[in-house]
Structure formats: C-alpha cells, structure tokens
C-alpha cells in the first residue's frame, strides 16, 4: 500500500486571530472615533451659527429695503406722481408664447 501524500504546509498556513477582533473592542480606536465625532459636531455647530448669522443679516437687509421703498413711494406721492400699479400681461400687449419643443431631449434655451 502506497504512503498517503503529505501536504506541505508553510508559514502562510498558520492560523492566527488577527483581524477577528471587533474594532470597538480596541479601546484607543473607540476613543479616537468618539473624538472624531465630537470634532465633527463642533464644526457643524460653527456652520449652523454662521448660517444663522447670515440669515439674520439678510432679514435685516430685507427690512431696510422695505423702509427705503416706502420712503421713495412717499416722496413720489408728495410730488404728485401716482403710485405705480403692476401691469397685467393683457395691458402690455400679447403675452409671448413659447415655441413648442422640437424634441423630448435635454432642456434647450432659445433666444
């Protein structure tokens, strides 16, 4: 009876536990993840504060525009110039009609 074939094994065939450890089980990685999350939270908070400040400035400018608009209309009324009325499409003449689309392809702007 012939001898069974031996399988040659080397260092590559040694089984190890590397790569099987849960990432959260390693303490320093868990703390690093927490610190990265806290930094992102801080950055997002700064972005939110900045955006709210910009919004506040825009609202203030809207109020200034309305005040200037009212002052201008009052000055015109004091000079006897009637207040302008918004015109309708009929008063301006025929409304421009858009040409039918030649295709159902991408959006095209015609001048």
PDB file of N, CA and C in Angstrom:
ATOM      1  N   UNK A   1       0.815  -1.156   0.000  1.00  0.00           N
ATOM      2  CA  UNK A   1       0.000   0.000   0.000  1.00  0.00           C
ATOM      3  C   UNK A   1       0.879   1.246   0.000  1.00  0.00           C
ATOM      4  N   UNK A   2       0.588   2.167  -0.963  1.00  0.00           N
ATOM      5  CA  UNK A   2       1.446   3.356  -1.052  1.00  0.00           C
ATOM      6  C   UNK A   2       1.187   4.313   0.109  1.00  0.00           C
ATOM      7  N   UNK A   3       2.183   5.074   0.457  1.00  0.00           N
ATOM      8  CA  UNK A   3       2.075   6.040   1.553  1.00  0.00           C
ATOM      9  C   UNK A   3       1.203   7.219   1.118  1.00  0.00           C
ATOM     10  N   UNK A   4       0.351   7.733   2.031  1.00  0.00           N
ATOM     11  CA  UNK A   4      -0.502   8.874   1.650  1.00  0.00           C
ATOM     12  C   UNK A   4       0.363  10.100   1.366  1.00  0.00           C
ATOM     13  N   UNK A   5      -0.116  10.922   0.414  1.00  0.00           N
ATOM     14  CA  UNK A   5       0.627  12.129   0.058  1.00  0.00           C
ATOM     15  C   UNK A   5       0.564  13.120   1.205  1.00  0.00           C
ATOM     16  N   UNK A   6       1.702  13.695   1.495  1.00  0.00           N
ATOM     17  CA  UNK A   6       1.763  14.708   2.548  1.00  0.00           C
ATOM     18  C   UNK A   6       1.545  16.072   1.931  1.00  0.00           C
ATOM     19  N   UNK A   7       0.744  16.850   2.614  1.00  0.00           N
ATOM     20  CA  UNK A   7       0.530  18.220   2.172  1.00  0.00           C
ATOM     21  C   UNK A   7       1.578  19.067   2.850  1.00  0.00           C
ATOM     22  N   UNK A   8       2.361  19.779   2.039  1.00  0.00           N
ATOM     23  CA  UNK A   8       3.387  20.639   2.612  1.00  0.00           C
ATOM     24  C   UNK A   8       2.737  21.938   3.096  1.00  0.00           C
ATOM     25  N   UNK A   9       3.032  22.268   4.299  1.00  0.00           N
ATOM     26  CA  UNK A   9       2.477  23.492   4.865  1.00  0.00           C
ATOM     27  C   UNK A   9       3.609  24.402   5.279  1.00  0.00           C
ATOM     28  N   UNK A  10       3.348  25.718   5.140  1.00  0.00           N
ATOM     29  CA  UNK A  10       4.375  26.680   5.494  1.00  0.00           C
ATOM     30  C   UNK A  10       3.828  27.719   6.467  1.00  0.00           C
ATOM     31  N   UNK A  11       4.534  28.824   6.547  1.00  0.00           N
ATOM     32  CA  UNK A  11       4.147  29.900   7.460  1.00  0.00           C
ATOM     33  C   UNK A  11       2.792  30.488   7.050  1.00  0.00           C
ATOM     34  N   UNK A  12       2.486  30.496   5.766  1.00  0.00           N
ATOM     35  CA  UNK A  12       1.229  31.060   5.295  1.00  0.00           C
ATOM     36  C   UNK A  12       0.020  30.272   5.779  1.00  0.00           C
ATOM     37  N   UNK A  13       0.214  29.027   6.166  1.00  0.00           N
ATOM     38  CA  UNK A  13      -0.890  28.190   6.595  1.00  0.00           C
ATOM     39  C   UNK A  13      -1.147  28.241   8.097  1.00  0.00           C
ATOM     40  N   UNK A  14      -0.378  29.008   8.838  1.00  0.00           N
ATOM     41  CA  UNK A  14      -0.591  29.114  10.281  1.00  0.00           C
ATOM     42  C   UNK A  14      -1.798  30.020  10.515  1.00  0.00           C
ATOM     43  N   UNK A  15      -2.752  29.522  11.263  1.00  0.00           N
ATOM     44  CA  UNK A  15      -3.955  30.301  11.539  1.00  0.00           C
ATOM     45  C   UNK A  15      -3.691  31.239  12.719  1.00  0.00           C
ATOM     46  N   UNK A  16      -4.158  32.474  12.553  1.00  0.00           N
ATOM     47  CA  UNK A  16      -3.981  33.464  13.620  1.00  0.00           C
ATOM     48  C   UNK A  16      -5.326  34.090  13.957  1.00  0.00           C
ATOM     49  N   UNK A  17      -5.360  34.908  14.999  1.00  0.00           N
ATOM     50  CA  UNK A  17      -6.563  35.610  15.427  1.00  0.00           C
ATOM     51  C   UNK A  17      -6.590  37.059  14.918  1.00  0.00           C
ATOM     52  N   UNK A  18      -5.601  37.439  14.149  1.00  0.00           N
ATOM     53  CA  UNK A  18      -5.554  38.821  13.677  1.00  0.00           C
ATOM     54  C   UNK A  18      -6.715  39.086  12.727  1.00  0.00           C
ATOM     55  N   UNK A  19      -7.299  40.259  12.850  1.00  0.00           N
ATOM     56  CA  UNK A  19      -8.414  40.634  12.006  1.00  0.00           C
ATOM     57  C   UNK A  19      -9.749  40.168  12.523  1.00  0.00           C
ATOM     58  N   UNK A  20      -9.762  39.382  13.564  1.00  0.00           N
ATOM     59  CA  UNK A  20     -11.021  38.884  14.115  1.00  0.00           C
ATOM     60  C   UNK A  20     -11.493  39.694  15.313  1.00  0.00           C
ATOM     61  N   UNK A  21     -10.715  40.665  15.735  1.00  0.00           N
ATOM     62  CA  UNK A  21     -11.076  41.456  16.911  1.00  0.00           C
ATOM     63  C   UNK A  21     -12.031  42.559  16.476  1.00  0.00           C
ATOM     64  N   UNK A  22     -13.078  42.788  17.252  1.00  0.00           N
ATOM     65  CA  UNK A  22     -14.030  43.850  16.970  1.00  0.00           C
ATOM     66  C   UNK A  22     -13.335  45.202  17.114  1.00  0.00           C
ATOM     67  N   UNK A  23     -13.590  46.138  16.187  1.00  0.00           N
ATOM     68  CA  UNK A  23     -12.920  47.442  16.196  1.00  0.00           C
ATOM     69  C   UNK A  23     -13.232  48.214  17.474  1.00  0.00           C
ATOM     70  N   UNK A  24     -14.435  48.041  18.030  1.00  0.00           N
ATOM     71  CA  UNK A  24     -14.786  48.745  19.262  1.00  0.00           C
ATOM     72  C   UNK A  24     -14.157  48.103  20.495  1.00  0.00           C
ATOM     73  N   UNK A  25     -13.685  46.884  20.353  1.00  0.00           N
ATOM     74  CA  UNK A  25     -13.055  46.217  21.484  1.00  0.00           C
ATOM     75  C   UNK A  25     -11.684  46.816  21.768  1.00  0.00           C
ATOM     76  N   UNK A  26     -11.068  47.411  20.740  1.00  0.00           N
ATOM     77  CA  UNK A  26      -9.783  48.068  20.941  1.00  0.00           C
ATOM     78  C   UNK A  26     -10.073  49.461  21.483  1.00  0.00           C
ATOM     79  N   UNK A  27      -9.658  49.728  22.670  1.00  0.00           N
ATOM     80  CA  UNK A  27     -10.045  50.939  23.393  1.00  0.00           C
ATOM     81  C   UNK A  27      -9.622  52.210  22.687  1.00  0.00           C
ATOM     82  N   UNK A  28      -8.391  52.287  22.218  1.00  0.00           N
ATOM     83  CA  UNK A  28      -7.925  53.541  21.633  1.00  0.00           C
ATOM     84  C   UNK A  28      -8.684  53.872  20.354  1.00  0.00           C
ATOM     85  N   UNK A  29      -9.124  52.843  19.610  1.00  0.00           N
ATOM     86  CA  UNK A  29      -9.899  53.108  18.398  1.00  0.00           C
ATOM     87  C   UNK A  29     -11.278  53.652  18.752  1.00  0.00           C
ATOM     88  N   UNK A  30     -11.878  53.149  19.809  1.00  0.00           N
ATOM     89  CA  UNK A  30     -13.183  53.648  20.243  1.00  0.00           C
ATOM     90  C   UNK A  30     -13.071  55.102  20.683  1.00  0.00           C
ATOM     91  N   UNK A  31     -12.015  55.439  21.443  1.00  0.00           N
ATOM     92  CA  UNK A  31     -11.826  56.827  21.876  1.00  0.00           C
ATOM     93  C   UNK A  31     -11.521  57.743  20.697  1.00  0.00           C
ATOM     94  N   UNK A  32     -10.783  57.241  19.723  1.00  0.00           N
ATOM     95  CA  UNK A  32     -10.495  58.039  18.532  1.00  0.00           C
ATOM     96  C   UNK A  32     -11.777  58.317  17.760  1.00  0.00           C
ATOM     97  N   UNK A  33     -12.640  57.318  17.638  1.00  0.00           N
ATOM     98  CA  UNK A  33     -13.914  57.500  16.955  1.00  0.00           C
ATOM     99  C   UNK A  33     -14.758  58.539  17.681  1.00  0.00           C
ATOM    100  N   UNK A  34     -14.790  58.482  19.000  1.00  0.00           N
ATOM    101  CA  UNK A  34     -15.541  59.468  19.789  1.00  0.00           C
ATOM    102  C   UNK A  34     -14.994  60.878  19.581  1.00  0.00           C
ATOM    103  N   UNK A  35     -13.672  61.007  19.550  1.00  0.00           N
ATOM    104  CA  UNK A  35     -13.088  62.340  19.379  1.00  0.00           C
ATOM    105  C   UNK A  35     -13.380  62.890  17.982  1.00  0.00           C
ATOM    106  N   UNK A  36     -13.352  62.044  16.967  1.00  0.00           N
ATOM    107  CA  UNK A  36     -13.669  62.489  15.609  1.00  0.00           C
ATOM    108  C   UNK A  36     -15.127  62.930  15.524  1.00  0.00           C
ATOM    109  N   UNK A  37     -16.024  62.190  16.164  1.00  0.00           N
ATOM    110  CA  UNK A  37     -17.435  62.571  16.170  1.00  0.00           C
ATOM    111  C   UNK A  37     -17.644  63.906  16.882  1.00  0.00           C
ATOM    112  N   UNK A  38     -16.938  64.122  17.993  1.00  0.00           N
ATOM    113  CA  UNK A  38     -17.056  65.393  18.713  1.00  0.00           C
ATOM    114  C   UNK A  38     -16.531  66.554  17.878  1.00  0.00           C
ATOM    115  N   UNK A  39     -15.434  66.337  17.137  1.00  0.00           N
ATOM    116  CA  UNK A  39     -14.901  67.401  16.286  1.00  0.00           C
ATOM    117  C   UNK A  39     -15.886  67.745  15.171  1.00  0.00           C
ATOM    118  N   UNK A  40     -16.509  66.722  14.585  1.00  0.00           N
ATOM    119  CA  UNK A  40     -17.495  66.985  13.538  1.00  0.00           C
ATOM    120  C   UNK A  40     -18.700  67.727  14.098  1.00  0.00           C
ATOM    121  N   UNK A  41     -19.122  67.340  15.285  1.00  0.00           N
ATOM    122  CA  UNK A  41     -20.248  68.024  15.935  1.00  0.00           C
ATOM    123  C   UNK A  41     -19.921  69.492  16.165  1.00  0.00           C
ATOM    124  N   UNK A  42     -18.719  69.804  16.598  1.00  0.00           N
ATOM    125  CA  UNK A  42     -18.295  71.179  16.828  1.00  0.00           C
ATOM    126  C   UNK A  42     -18.279  71.965  15.511  1.00  0.00           C
ATOM    127  N   UNK A  43     -17.712  71.346  14.461  1.00  0.00           N
ATOM    128  CA  UNK A  43     -17.661  72.009  13.141  1.00  0.00           C
ATOM    129  C   UNK A  43     -19.053  72.312  12.617  1.00  0.00           C
ATOM    130  N   UNK A  44     -19.957  71.351  12.735  1.00  0.00           N
ATOM    131  CA  UNK A  44     -21.337  71.546  12.269  1.00  0.00           C
ATOM    132  C   UNK A  44     -22.026  72.647  13.074  1.00  0.00           C
ATOM    133  N   UNK A  45     -21.726  72.723  14.355  1.00  0.00           N
ATOM    134  CA  UNK A  45     -22.284  73.791  15.187  1.00  0.00           C
ATOM    135  C   UNK A  45     -21.819  75.158  14.725  1.00  0.00           C
ATOM    136  N   UNK A  46     -20.525  75.259  14.372  1.00  0.00           N
ATOM    137  CA  UNK A  46     -19.997  76.526  13.858  1.00  0.00           C
ATOM    138  C   UNK A  46     -20.655  76.881  12.528  1.00  0.00           C
ATOM    139  N   UNK A  47     -20.852  75.894  11.657  1.00  0.00           N
ATOM    140  CA  UNK A  47     -21.517  76.140  10.376  1.00  0.00           C
ATOM    141  C   UNK A  47     -22.935  76.636  10.591  1.00  0.00           C
ATOM    142  N   UNK A  48     -23.636  76.027  11.553  1.00  0.00           N
ATOM    143  CA  UNK A  48     -25.014  76.419  11.852  1.00  0.00           C
ATOM    144  C   UNK A  48     -25.060  77.844  12.368  1.00  0.00           C
ATOM    145  N   UNK A  49     -24.146  78.192  13.278  1.00  0.00           N
ATOM    146  CA  UNK A  49     -24.097  79.546  13.821  1.00  0.00           C
ATOM    147  C   UNK A  49     -23.828  80.554  12.717  1.00  0.00           C
ATOM    148  N   UNK A  50     -22.906  80.236  11.837  1.00  0.00           N
ATOM    149  CA  UNK A  50     -22.578  81.119  10.725  1.00  0.00           C
ATOM    150  C   UNK A  50     -23.766  81.298   9.798  1.00  0.00           C
ATOM    151  N   UNK A  51     -24.462  80.213   9.490  1.00  0.00           N
ATOM    152  CA  UNK A  51     -25.616  80.286   8.601  1.00  0.00           C
ATOM    153  C   UNK A  51     -26.740  81.109   9.228  1.00  0.00           C
ATOM    154  N   UNK A  52     -26.963  80.939  10.527  1.00  0.00           N
ATOM    155  CA  UNK A  52     -27.997  81.723  11.204  1.00  0.00           C
ATOM    156  C   UNK A  52     -27.650  83.202  11.209  1.00  0.00           C
ATOM    157  N   UNK A  53     -26.370  83.525  11.367  1.00  0.00           N
ATOM    158  CA  UNK A  53     -25.928  84.925  11.340  1.00  0.00           C
ATOM    159  C   UNK A  53     -26.156  85.525   9.950  1.00  0.00           C
ATOM    160  N   UNK A  54     -25.845  84.767   8.915  1.00  0.00           N
ATOM    161  CA  UNK A  54     -26.088  85.241   7.551  1.00  0.00           C
ATOM    162  C   UNK A  54     -27.575  85.462   7.316  1.00  0.00           C
ATOM    163  N   UNK A  55     -28.398  84.554   7.810  1.00  0.00           N
ATOM    164  CA  UNK A  55     -29.841  84.677   7.667  1.00  0.00           C
ATOM    165  C   UNK A  55     -30.347  85.934   8.373  1.00  0.00           C
ATOM    166  N   UNK A  56     -29.802  86.206   9.539  1.00  0.00           N
ATOM    167  CA  UNK A  56     -30.179  87.404  10.294  1.00  0.00           C
ATOM    168  C   UNK A  56     -29.823  88.661   9.504  1.00  0.00           C
ATOM    169  N   UNK A  57     -28.631  88.689   8.906  1.00  0.00           N
ATOM    170  CA  UNK A  57     -28.211  89.841   8.111  1.00  0.00           C
ATOM    171  C   UNK A  57     -29.099  90.025   6.878  1.00  0.00           C
ATOM    172  N   UNK A  58     -29.504  88.930   6.259  1.00  0.00           N
ATOM    173  CA  UNK A  58     -30.377  89.007   5.091  1.00  0.00           C
ATOM    174  C   UNK A  58     -31.745  89.557   5.487  1.00  0.00           C
ATOM    175  N   UNK A  59     -32.289  89.087   6.622  1.00  0.00           N
ATOM    176  CA  UNK A  59     -33.571  89.596   7.094  1.00  0.00           C
ATOM    177  C   UNK A  59     -33.500  91.084   7.405  1.00  0.00           C
ATOM    178  N   UNK A  60     -32.397  91.518   8.019  1.00  0.00           N
ATOM    179  CA  UNK A  60     -32.230  92.946   8.303  1.00  0.00           C
ATOM    180  C   UNK A  60     -32.193  93.757   7.015  1.00  0.00           C
ATOM    181  N   UNK A  61     -31.514  93.241   6.008  1.00  0.00           N
ATOM    182  CA  UNK A  61     -31.451  93.952   4.726  1.00  0.00           C
ATOM    183  C   UNK A  61     -32.823  94.021   4.081  1.00  0.00           C
ATOM    184  N   UNK A  62     -33.632  92.962   4.179  1.00  0.00           N
ATOM    185  CA  UNK A  62     -34.997  92.993   3.657  1.00  0.00           C
ATOM    186  C   UNK A  62     -35.790  94.123   4.309  1.00  0.00           C
ATOM    187  N   UNK A  63     -35.651  94.274   5.620  1.00  0.00           N
ATOM    188  CA  UNK A  63     -36.358  95.335   6.321  1.00  0.00           C
ATOM    189  C   UNK A  63     -35.886  96.702   5.851  1.00  0.00           C
ATOM    190  N   UNK A  64     -34.576  96.863   5.660  1.00  0.00           N
ATOM    191  CA  UNK A  64     -34.041  98.134   5.173  1.00  0.00           C
ATOM    192  C   UNK A  64     -34.575  98.445   3.778  1.00  0.00           C
ATOM    193  N   UNK A  65     -34.663  97.434   2.933  1.00  0.00           N
ATOM    194  CA  UNK A  65     -35.176  97.622   1.572  1.00  0.00           C
ATOM    195  C   UNK A  65     -36.624  98.087   1.615  1.00  0.00           C
ATOM    196  N   UNK A  66     -37.437  97.466   2.457  1.00  0.00           N
ATOM    197  CA  UNK A  66     -38.843  97.861   2.561  1.00  0.00           C
ATOM    198  C   UNK A  66     -38.980  99.295   3.064  1.00  0.00           C
ATOM    199  N   UNK A  67     -38.136  99.684   4.019  1.00  0.00           N
ATOM    200  CA  UNK A  67     -38.179 101.060   4.531  1.00  0.00           C
ATOM    201  C   UNK A  67     -37.802 102.039   3.419  1.00  0.00           C
ATOM    202  N   UNK A  68     -36.738 101.751   2.689  1.00  0.00           N
ATOM    203  CA  UNK A  68     -36.319 102.621   1.583  1.00  0.00           C
ATOM    204  C   UNK A  68     -37.396 102.690   0.501  1.00  0.00           C
ATOM    205  N   UNK A  69     -38.040 101.573   0.230  1.00  0.00           N
ATOM    206  CA  UNK A  69     -39.101 101.529  -0.778  1.00  0.00           C
ATOM    207  C   UNK A  69     -40.262 102.428  -0.355  1.00  0.00           C
ATOM    208  N   UNK A  70     -40.665 102.333   0.921  1.00  0.00           N
ATOM    209  CA  UNK A  70     -41.763 103.165   1.416  1.00  0.00           C
ATOM    210  C   UNK A  70     -41.392 104.646   1.369  1.00  0.00           C
ATOM    211  N   UNK A  71     -40.167 104.979   1.740  1.00  0.00           N
ATOM    212  CA  UNK A  71     -39.728 106.378   1.698  1.00  0.00           C
ATOM    213  C   UNK A  71     -39.757 106.915   0.268  1.00  0.00           C
ATOM    214  N   UNK A  72     -39.312 106.114  -0.685  1.00  0.00           N
ATOM    215  CA  UNK A  72     -39.308 106.540  -2.084  1.00  0.00           C
ATOM    216  C   UNK A  72     -40.733 106.750  -2.584  1.00  0.00           C
ATOM    217  N   UNK A  73     -41.640 105.811  -2.240  1.00  0.00           N
ATOM    218  CA  UNK A  73     -43.033 105.961  -2.658  1.00  0.00           C
ATOM    219  C   UNK A  73     -43.666 107.201  -2.025  1.00  0.00           C
ATOM    220  N   UNK A  74     -43.336 107.502  -0.770  1.00  0.00           N
ATOM    221  CA  UNK A  74     -43.864 108.698  -0.108  1.00  0.00           C
ATOM    222  C   UNK A  74     -43.338 109.966  -0.774  1.00  0.00           C
ATOM    223  N   UNK A  75     -42.069 109.969  -1.174  1.00  0.00           N
ATOM    224  CA  UNK A  75     -41.505 111.130  -1.862  1.00  0.00           C
ATOM    225  C   UNK A  75     -42.193 111.342  -3.211  1.00  0.00           C
ATOM    226  N   UNK A  76     -42.453 110.244  -3.928  1.00  0.00           N
ATOM    227  CA  UNK A  76     -43.151 110.354  -5.210  1.00  0.00           C
ATOM    228  C   UNK A  76     -44.574 110.864  -5.002  1.00  0.00           C
ATOM    229  N   UNK A  77     -45.254 110.375  -3.969  1.00  0.00           N
ATOM    230  CA  UNK A  77     -46.621 110.828  -3.677  1.00  0.00           C
ATOM    231  C   UNK A  77     -46.624 112.303  -3.309  1.00  0.00           C
ATOM    232  N   UNK A  78     -45.606 112.781  -2.595  1.00  0.00           N
ATOM    233  CA  UNK A  78     -45.521 114.199  -2.218  1.00  0.00           C
ATOM    234  C   UNK A  78     -45.330 115.083  -3.443  1.00  0.00           C
ATOM    235  N   UNK A  79     -44.716 114.560  -4.483  1.00  0.00           N
ATOM    236  CA  UNK A  79     -44.501 115.315  -5.717  1.00  0.00           C
ATOM    237  C   UNK A  79     -45.709 115.219  -6.642  1.00  0.00           C
ATOM    238  N   UNK A  80     -46.710 114.451  -6.248  1.00  0.00           N
ATOM    239  CA  UNK A  80     -47.919 114.317  -7.049  1.00  0.00           C
ATOM    240  C   UNK A  80     -47.851 113.229  -8.094  1.00  0.00           C
ATOM    241  N   UNK A  81     -46.851 112.406  -8.062  1.00  0.00           N
ATOM    242  CA  UNK A  81     -46.721 111.307  -9.023  1.00  0.00           C
ATOM    243  C   UNK A  81     -47.514 110.117  -8.484  1.00  0.00           C
ATOM    244  N   UNK A  82     -48.435 109.581  -9.295  1.00  0.00           N
ATOM    245  CA  UNK A  82     -49.257 108.471  -8.790  1.00  0.00           C
ATOM    246  C   UNK A  82     -48.413 107.216  -8.544  1.00  0.00           C
ATOM    247  N   UNK A  83     -48.921 106.425  -7.652  1.00  0.00           N
ATOM    248  CA  UNK A  83     -48.249 105.174  -7.300  1.00  0.00           C
ATOM    249  C   UNK A  83     -48.323 104.202  -8.473  1.00  0.00           C
ATOM    250  N   UNK A  84     -47.208 103.563  -8.840  1.00  0.00           N
ATOM    251  CA  UNK A  84     -47.246 102.625  -9.976  1.00  0.00           C
ATOM    252  C   UNK A  84     -48.056 101.381  -9.630  1.00  0.00           C
ATOM    253  N   UNK A  85     -48.827 100.910 -10.622  1.00  0.00           N
ATOM    254  CA  UNK A  85     -49.630  99.699 -10.446  1.00  0.00           C
ATOM    255  C   UNK A  85     -48.989  98.578 -11.249  1.00  0.00           C
ATOM    256  N   UNK A  86     -49.004  97.384 -10.719  1.00  0.00           N
ATOM    257  CA  UNK A  86     -48.452  96.271 -11.503  1.00  0.00           C
ATOM    258  C   UNK A  86     -49.299  96.049 -12.748  1.00  0.00           C
ATOM    259  N   UNK A  87     -48.657  95.890 -13.857  1.00  0.00           N
ATOM    260  CA  UNK A  87     -49.356  95.696 -15.116  1.00  0.00           C
ATOM    261  C   UNK A  87     -49.646  94.215 -15.334  1.00  0.00           C
ATOM    262  N   UNK A  88     -50.732  93.970 -15.974  1.00  0.00           N
ATOM    263  CA  UNK A  88     -51.046  92.583 -16.316  1.00  0.00           C
ATOM    264  C   UNK A  88     -50.505  92.286 -17.708  1.00  0.00           C
ATOM    265  N   UNK A  89     -50.519  91.054 -18.095  1.00  0.00           N
ATOM    266  CA  UNK A  89     -49.992  90.649 -19.403  1.00  0.00           C
ATOM    267  C   UNK A  89     -50.844  91.229 -20.529  1.00  0.00           C
ATOM    268  N   UNK A  90     -52.134  91.415 -20.300  1.00  0.00           N
ATOM    269  CA  UNK A  90     -53.018  91.956 -21.325  1.00  0.00           C
ATOM    270  C   UNK A  90     -52.697  93.424 -21.565  1.00  0.00           C
ATOM    271  N   UNK A  91     -52.367  94.182 -20.514  1.00  0.00           N
ATOM    272  CA  UNK A  91     -52.073  95.602 -20.656  1.00  0.00           C
ATOM    273  C   UNK A  91     -50.774  95.817 -21.427  1.00  0.00           C
ATOM    274  N   UNK A  92     -49.844  94.918 -21.324  1.00  0.00           N
ATOM    275  CA  UNK A  92     -48.565  95.048 -22.021  1.00  0.00           C
ATOM    276  C   UNK A  92     -48.658  94.659 -23.483  1.00  0.00           C
ATOM    277  N   UNK A  93     -49.719  94.038 -23.862  1.00  0.00           N
ATOM    278  CA  UNK A  93     -49.822  93.536 -25.230  1.00  0.00           C
ATOM    279  C   UNK A  93     -49.945  92.032 -25.180  1.00  0.00           C
ATOM    280  N   UNK A  94     -49.701  91.406 -26.282  1.00  0.00           N
ATOM    281  CA  UNK A  94     -49.823  89.953 -26.302  1.00  0.00           C
ATOM    282  C   UNK A  94     -48.669  89.324 -25.526  1.00  0.00           C
ATOM    283  N   UNK A  95     -49.019  88.372 -24.763  1.00  0.00           N
ATOM    284  CA  UNK A  95     -48.010  87.672 -23.976  1.00  0.00           C
ATOM    285  C   UNK A  95     -47.156  86.832 -24.913  1.00  0.00           C
ATOM    286  N   UNK A  96     -45.850  86.790 -24.689  1.00  0.00           N
ATOM    287  CA  UNK A  96     -45.002  85.979 -25.563  1.00  0.00           C
ATOM    288  C   UNK A  96     -45.338  84.503 -25.411  1.00  0.00           C
ATOM    289  N   UNK A  97     -45.494  83.864 -26.534  1.00  0.00           N
ATOM    290  CA  UNK A  97     -45.802  82.437 -26.480  1.00  0.00           C
ATOM    291  C   UNK A  97     -44.516  81.656 -26.689  1.00  0.00           C
ATOM    292  N   UNK A  98     -44.382  80.587 -25.983  1.00  0.00           N
ATOM    293  CA  UNK A  98     -43.186  79.770 -26.128  1.00  0.00           C
ATOM    294  C   UNK A  98     -43.380  78.808 -27.292  1.00  0.00           C
ATOM    295  N   UNK A  99     -42.338  78.586 -28.012  1.00  0.00           N
ATOM    296  CA  UNK A  99     -42.388  77.671 -29.145  1.00  0.00           C
ATOM    297  C   UNK A  99     -42.490  76.246 -28.627  1.00  0.00           C
ATOM    298  N   UNK A 100     -43.219  75.405 -29.349  1.00  0.00           N
ATOM    299  CA  UNK A 100     -43.307  74.010 -28.906  1.00  0.00           C
ATOM    300  C   UNK A 100     -41.942  73.338 -28.987  1.00  0.00           C
ATOM    301  N   UNK A 101     -41.738  72.436 -28.103  1.00  0.00           N
ATOM    302  CA  UNK A 101     -40.455  71.734 -28.081  1.00  0.00           C
ATOM    303  C   UNK A 101     -40.330  70.815 -29.282  1.00  0.00           C
ATOM    304  N   UNK A 102     -39.167  70.846 -29.881  1.00  0.00           N
ATOM    305  CA  UNK A 102     -38.922  70.018 -31.058  1.00  0.00           C
ATOM    306  C   UNK A 102     -38.650  68.581 -30.676  1.00  0.00           C
ATOM    307  N   UNK A 103     -38.149  68.366 -29.460  1.00  0.00           N
ATOM    308  CA  UNK A 103     -37.848  67.000 -29.054  1.00  0.00           C
ATOM    309  C   UNK A 103     -38.122  66.867 -27.569  1.00  0.00           C
ATOM    310  N   UNK A 104     -38.068  65.657 -27.095  1.00  0.00           N
ATOM    311  CA  UNK A 104     -38.217  65.428 -25.668  1.00  0.00           C
ATOM    312  C   UNK A 104     -36.869  65.244 -25.017  1.00  0.00           C
ATOM    313  N   UNK A 105     -35.801  65.684 -25.703  1.00  0.00           N
ATOM    314  CA  UNK A 105     -34.433  65.537 -25.216  1.00  0.00           C
ATOM    315  C   UNK A 105     -34.122  66.541 -24.114  1.00  0.00           C
ATOM    316  N   UNK A 106     -32.843  66.878 -23.967  1.00  0.00           N
ATOM    317  CA  UNK A 106     -32.435  67.781 -22.894  1.00  0.00           C
ATOM    318  C   UNK A 106     -33.020  69.172 -23.068  1.00  0.00           C
ATOM    319  N   UNK A 107     -33.075  69.887 -21.968  1.00  0.00           N
ATOM    320  CA  UNK A 107     -33.622  71.243 -21.942  1.00  0.00           C
ATOM    321  C   UNK A 107     -32.769  72.169 -22.779  1.00  0.00           C
ATOM    322  N   UNK A 108     -33.408  72.953 -23.662  1.00  0.00           N
ATOM    323  CA  UNK A 108     -32.677  73.885 -24.529  1.00  0.00           C
ATOM    324  C   UNK A 108     -33.268  75.268 -24.354  1.00  0.00           C
ATOM    325  N   UNK A 109     -32.415  76.252 -24.263  1.00  0.00           N
ATOM    326  CA  UNK A 109     -32.864  77.631 -24.129  1.00  0.00           C
ATOM    327  C   UNK A 109     -32.788  78.283 -25.505  1.00  0.00           C
ATOM    328  N   UNK A 110     -33.892  78.894 -25.918  1.00  0.00           N
ATOM    329  CA  UNK A 110     -33.918  79.588 -27.202  1.00  0.00           C
ATOM    330  C   UNK A 110     -34.008  81.081 -26.959  1.00  0.00           C
ATOM    331  N   UNK A 111     -33.213  81.835 -27.679  1.00  0.00           N
ATOM    332  CA  UNK A 111     -33.188  83.282 -27.507  1.00  0.00           C
ATOM    333  C   UNK A 111     -33.891  83.965 -28.650  1.00  0.00           C
TER     334      UNK A 111
END
